[in-house]
Amino acid sequence: MIKTIVLGSCVSVQGAFVRTLPNGKVVVQVGKRLFEGMPVGQTA
């Protein structure tokens, strides 16, 4: 599943979902790199 996360105020990353952390952040994988950030809310 593809997820979009926010790393900072203006930086977002879209990648393959890896896991959800206890603090509510999500880890996604892009190539061989892992990124951790807050998930972007879904739109209606």
N, C-alpha and C. Protein backbone atom coordinates (compact mmCIF):
# COMPACT_ATOMS: atom_id res chain seq x y z
N MET A 1 0.84 -1.16 0.00
CA MET A 1 0.00 0.00 0.00
C MET A 1 0.90 1.24 0.00
N ILE A 2 0.55 2.22 -0.78
CA ILE A 2 1.30 3.47 -0.87
C ILE A 2 0.73 4.46 0.15
N LYS A 3 1.62 5.09 0.91
CA LYS A 3 1.23 6.11 1.90
C LYS A 3 2.02 7.38 1.65
N THR A 4 1.44 8.51 2.03
CA THR A 4 2.11 9.80 1.96
C THR A 4 2.32 10.30 3.38
N ILE A 5 3.54 10.74 3.68
CA ILE A 5 3.85 11.27 5.00
C ILE A 5 4.46 12.66 4.85
N VAL A 6 4.40 13.42 5.94
CA VAL A 6 4.99 14.75 5.98
C VAL A 6 6.20 14.70 6.88
N LEU A 7 7.36 15.15 6.37
CA LEU A 7 8.60 15.15 7.13
C LEU A 7 8.85 16.48 7.82
N GLY A 8 8.40 17.54 7.25
CA GLY A 8 8.60 18.87 7.81
C GLY A 8 7.42 19.74 7.44
N SER A 9 7.62 21.04 7.45
CA SER A 9 6.51 21.93 7.11
C SER A 9 6.17 21.90 5.62
N CYS A 10 7.14 21.58 4.77
CA CYS A 10 6.90 21.62 3.33
C CYS A 10 7.32 20.35 2.60
N VAL A 11 7.88 19.39 3.29
CA VAL A 11 8.43 18.20 2.63
C VAL A 11 7.51 17.01 2.87
N SER A 12 7.07 16.37 1.79
CA SER A 12 6.29 15.15 1.90
C SER A 12 6.94 14.05 1.07
N VAL A 13 6.71 12.81 1.49
CA VAL A 13 7.29 11.64 0.82
C VAL A 13 6.17 10.63 0.60
N GLN A 14 6.17 10.01 -0.55
CA GLN A 14 5.20 8.96 -0.86
C GLN A 14 5.97 7.68 -1.13
N GLY A 15 5.59 6.61 -0.42
CA GLY A 15 6.29 5.34 -0.60
C GLY A 15 5.48 4.17 -0.08
N ALA A 16 6.10 3.01 -0.11
CA ALA A 16 5.44 1.78 0.34
C ALA A 16 5.36 1.76 1.86
N PHE A 17 4.17 1.49 2.38
CA PHE A 17 3.95 1.43 3.83
C PHE A 17 4.78 0.31 4.44
N VAL A 18 5.47 0.62 5.55
CA VAL A 18 6.26 -0.38 6.27
C VAL A 18 5.61 -0.71 7.61
N ARG A 19 5.40 0.33 8.44
CA ARG A 19 4.78 0.10 9.75
C ARG A 19 4.33 1.43 10.35
N THR A 20 3.46 1.30 11.37
CA THR A 20 3.05 2.45 12.17
C THR A 20 3.76 2.35 13.51
N LEU A 21 4.31 3.46 13.96
CA LEU A 21 5.03 3.50 15.23
C LEU A 21 4.08 3.84 16.37
N PRO A 22 4.45 3.50 17.62
CA PRO A 22 3.58 3.79 18.77
C PRO A 22 3.26 5.28 18.94
N ASN A 23 4.11 6.16 18.46
CA ASN A 23 3.88 7.60 18.60
C ASN A 23 2.96 8.16 17.51
N GLY A 24 2.43 7.31 16.64
CA GLY A 24 1.51 7.74 15.59
C GLY A 24 2.16 8.02 14.26
N LYS A 25 3.49 8.03 14.21
CA LYS A 25 4.19 8.25 12.95
C LYS A 25 4.16 6.99 12.11
N VAL A 26 4.39 7.17 10.81
CA VAL A 26 4.35 6.07 9.85
C VAL A 26 5.72 5.98 9.18
N VAL A 27 6.16 4.75 8.91
CA VAL A 27 7.42 4.52 8.20
C VAL A 27 7.08 4.03 6.80
N VAL A 28 7.68 4.69 5.78
CA VAL A 28 7.51 4.27 4.39
C VAL A 28 8.88 4.01 3.78
N GLN A 29 8.91 3.17 2.76
CA GLN A 29 10.15 2.83 2.08
C GLN A 29 10.11 3.34 0.65
N VAL A 30 11.18 4.04 0.26
CA VAL A 30 11.37 4.52 -1.11
C VAL A 30 12.71 3.99 -1.56
N GLY A 31 12.69 3.01 -2.46
CA GLY A 31 13.92 2.34 -2.85
C GLY A 31 14.47 1.58 -1.66
N LYS A 32 15.71 1.89 -1.27
CA LYS A 32 16.32 1.24 -0.11
C LYS A 32 16.26 2.10 1.14
N ARG A 33 15.67 3.30 1.02
CA ARG A 33 15.64 4.24 2.15
C ARG A 33 14.32 4.18 2.89
N LEU A 34 14.37 4.34 4.21
CA LEU A 34 13.18 4.41 5.05
C LEU A 34 13.00 5.84 5.53
N PHE A 35 11.76 6.31 5.52
CA PHE A 35 11.42 7.64 5.98
C PHE A 35 10.35 7.53 7.05
N GLU A 36 10.44 8.37 8.08
CA GLU A 36 9.49 8.37 9.19
C GLU A 36 8.87 9.76 9.29
N GLY A 37 7.53 9.81 9.34
CA GLY A 37 6.85 11.09 9.45
C GLY A 37 5.39 10.91 9.78
N MET A 38 4.68 12.03 9.89
CA MET A 38 3.26 12.00 10.20
C MET A 38 2.46 11.72 8.93
N PRO A 39 1.44 10.85 9.03
CA PRO A 39 0.65 10.54 7.85
C PRO A 39 -0.20 11.74 7.42
N VAL A 40 -0.43 11.86 6.12
CA VAL A 40 -1.29 12.90 5.58
C VAL A 40 -2.73 12.41 5.71
N GLY A 41 -3.60 13.28 6.17
CA GLY A 41 -5.02 12.91 6.34
C GLY A 41 -5.69 12.62 5.03
N GLN A 42 -6.69 11.76 5.06
CA GLN A 42 -7.44 11.41 3.87
C GLN A 42 -8.44 12.49 3.55
N THR A 43 -8.75 12.67 2.26
CA THR A 43 -9.76 13.63 1.84
C THR A 43 -11.05 12.90 1.53
N ALA A 44 -12.14 13.60 1.59
CA ALA A 44 -13.47 12.99 1.36
C ALA A 44 -13.68 12.66 -0.09
